[in-house]
C-alpha atoms as a PDB file:
ATOM      1  CA  UNK A   1     219.423-139.445 168.733  1.00  0.00           C
ATOM      2  CA  UNK A   2     221.236-141.314 171.071  1.00  0.00           C
ATOM      3  CA  UNK A   3     223.770-144.012 170.061  1.00  0.00           C
ATOM      4  CA  UNK A   4     221.575-146.774 171.600  1.00  0.00           C
ATOM      5  CA  UNK A   5     218.021-145.885 171.891  1.00  0.00           C
ATOM      6  CA  UNK A   6     216.117-142.645 171.354  1.00  0.00           C
ATOM      7  CA  UNK A   7     215.417-139.230 173.160  1.00  0.00           C
ATOM      8  CA  UNK A   8     212.435-139.657 175.363  1.00  0.00           C
ATOM      9  CA  UNK A   9     209.705-136.850 175.430  1.00  0.00           C
ATOM     10  CA  UNK A  10     208.569-135.769 178.930  1.00  0.00           C
ATOM     11  CA  UNK A  11     205.584-137.806 178.511  1.00  0.00           C
ATOM     12  CA  UNK A  12     207.602-141.130 177.828  1.00  0.00           C
ATOM     13  CA  UNK A  13     209.724-140.271 181.042  1.00  0.00           C
ATOM     14  CA  UNK A  14     206.708-139.750 182.979  1.00  0.00           C
ATOM     15  CA  UNK A  15     205.004-142.975 181.921  1.00  0.00           C
ATOM     16  CA  UNK A  16     208.325-144.897 182.518  1.00  0.00           C
ATOM     17  CA  UNK A  17     208.766-143.438 185.813  1.00  0.00           C
ATOM     18  CA  UNK A  18     205.178-144.229 186.797  1.00  0.00           C
ATOM     19  CA  UNK A  19     205.590-147.942 185.763  1.00  0.00           C
ATOM     20  CA  UNK A  20     208.925-148.070 187.546  1.00  0.00           C
ATOM     21  CA  UNK A  21     207.587-147.010 190.784  1.00  0.00           C
ATOM     22  CA  UNK A  22     205.196-149.945 190.850  1.00  0.00           C
ATOM     23  CA  UNK A  23     207.728-152.869 189.652  1.00  0.00           C
ATOM     24  CA  UNK A  24     207.124-155.972 191.611  1.00  0.00           C
ATOM     25  CA  UNK A  25     203.985-154.716 193.095  1.00  0.00           C
ATOM     26  CA  UNK A  26     201.259-157.283 192.238  1.00  0.00           C
ATOM     27  CA  UNK A  27     202.665-157.626 188.709  1.00  0.00           C
ATOM     28  CA  UNK A  28     204.766-160.340 186.724  1.00  0.00           C
ATOM     29  CA  UNK A  29     207.826-159.409 188.844  1.00  0.00           C
ATOM     30  CA  UNK A  30     206.350-160.242 192.086  1.00  0.00           C
ATOM     31  CA  UNK A  31     208.012-163.480 192.435  1.00  0.00           C
ATOM     32  CA  UNK A  32     211.273-161.833 191.786  1.00  0.00           C
ATOM     33  CA  UNK A  33     210.541-159.046 194.260  1.00  0.00           C
ATOM     34  CA  UNK A  34     209.575-161.538 196.993  1.00  0.00           C
ATOM     35  CA  UNK A  35     212.902-163.575 196.283  1.00  0.00           C
ATOM     36  CA  UNK A  36     215.042-160.215 196.677  1.00  0.00           C
ATOM     37  CA  UNK A  37     212.997-159.056 199.590  1.00  0.00           C
ATOM     38  CA  UNK A  38     213.522-162.486 201.414  1.00  0.00           C
ATOM     39  CA  UNK A  39     217.229-162.470 200.329  1.00  0.00           C
ATOM     40  CA  UNK A  40     217.669-158.929 201.883  1.00  0.00           C
ATOM     41  CA  UNK A  41     215.991-159.908 205.014  1.00  0.00           C
ATOM     42  CA  UNK A  42     213.076-157.610 204.660  1.00  0.00           C
ATOM     43  CA  UNK A  43     210.190-159.656 205.007  1.00  0.00           C
ATOM     44  CA  UNK A  44     209.049-158.010 208.235  1.00  0.00           C
ATOM     45  CA  UNK A  45     208.958-154.594 206.684  1.00  0.00           C
ATOM     46  CA  UNK A  46     205.521-153.612 205.597  1.00  0.00           C
ATOM     47  CA  UNK A  47     207.038-150.362 203.792  1.00  0.00           C
ATOM     48  CA  UNK A  48     208.883-152.492 201.372  1.00  0.00           C
ATOM     49  CA  UNK A  49     206.599-153.118 198.192  1.00  0.00           C
ATOM     50  CA  UNK A  50     208.402-152.820 195.206  1.00  0.00           C
ATOM     51  CA  UNK A  51     211.826-153.596 193.654  1.00  0.00           C
ATOM     52  CA  UNK A  52     212.894-150.134 194.079  1.00  0.00           C
ATOM     53  CA  UNK A  53     211.982-150.167 197.814  1.00  0.00           C
ATOM     54  CA  UNK A  54     214.372-152.924 198.318  1.00  0.00           C
ATOM     55  CA  UNK A  55     217.132-151.155 196.471  1.00  0.00           C
ATOM     56  CA  UNK A  56     216.585-148.188 198.673  1.00  0.00           C
ATOM     57  CA  UNK A  57     216.690-149.951 201.683  1.00  0.00           C
ATOM     58  CA  UNK A  58     219.791-152.045 200.467  1.00  0.00           C
ATOM     59  CA  UNK A  59     221.587-148.669 199.816  1.00  0.00           C
ATOM     60  CA  UNK A  60     220.400-147.029 203.270  1.00  0.00           C
ATOM     61  CA  UNK A  61     217.933-144.682 201.891  1.00  0.00           C
ATOM     62  CA  UNK A  62     214.697-144.195 203.974  1.00  0.00           C
ATOM     63  CA  UNK A  63     211.223-145.326 202.384  1.00  0.00           C
ATOM     64  CA  UNK A  64     209.427-142.816 200.278  1.00  0.00           C
ATOM     65  CA  UNK A  65     206.526-141.237 201.990  1.00  0.00           C
ATOM     66  CA  UNK A  66     203.877-143.021 199.500  1.00  0.00           C
ATOM     67  CA  UNK A  67     205.228-146.391 200.772  1.00  0.00           C
ATOM     68  CA  UNK A  68     204.626-145.918 204.415  1.00  0.00           C
ATOM     69  CA  UNK A  69     201.817-147.584 206.033  1.00  0.00           C
ATOM     70  CA  UNK A  70     198.782-145.429 206.715  1.00  0.00           C
ATOM     71  CA  UNK A  71     198.274-144.603 210.520  1.00  0.00           C
ATOM     72  CA  UNK A  72     195.881-146.651 212.397  1.00  0.00           C
ATOM     73  CA  UNK A  73     192.396-145.144 212.896  1.00  0.00           C
END
C-alpha cells in the first residue's frame, strides 16, 4: 500500500490511461480545454484535441499519431 492512495492493478492503470487520453475531448473538461488551447495560441491546430495535446505542444513534443488528421481522400 502506498502512503497516499493504493497500488493500481494493470487494468486500473489501463482504464485511467484510456480516460486520460481523451480528457477535454467532448466532455465536462471541454471548456477548460478550449480556454487552455486559446491561451496557448493553438486554435488553428486541428491536431490539438485534448488537454494532453496542449501540454505536449507546450513542451515541444510532436502530436501523437492518433491525433493527426486523416488524409483527404
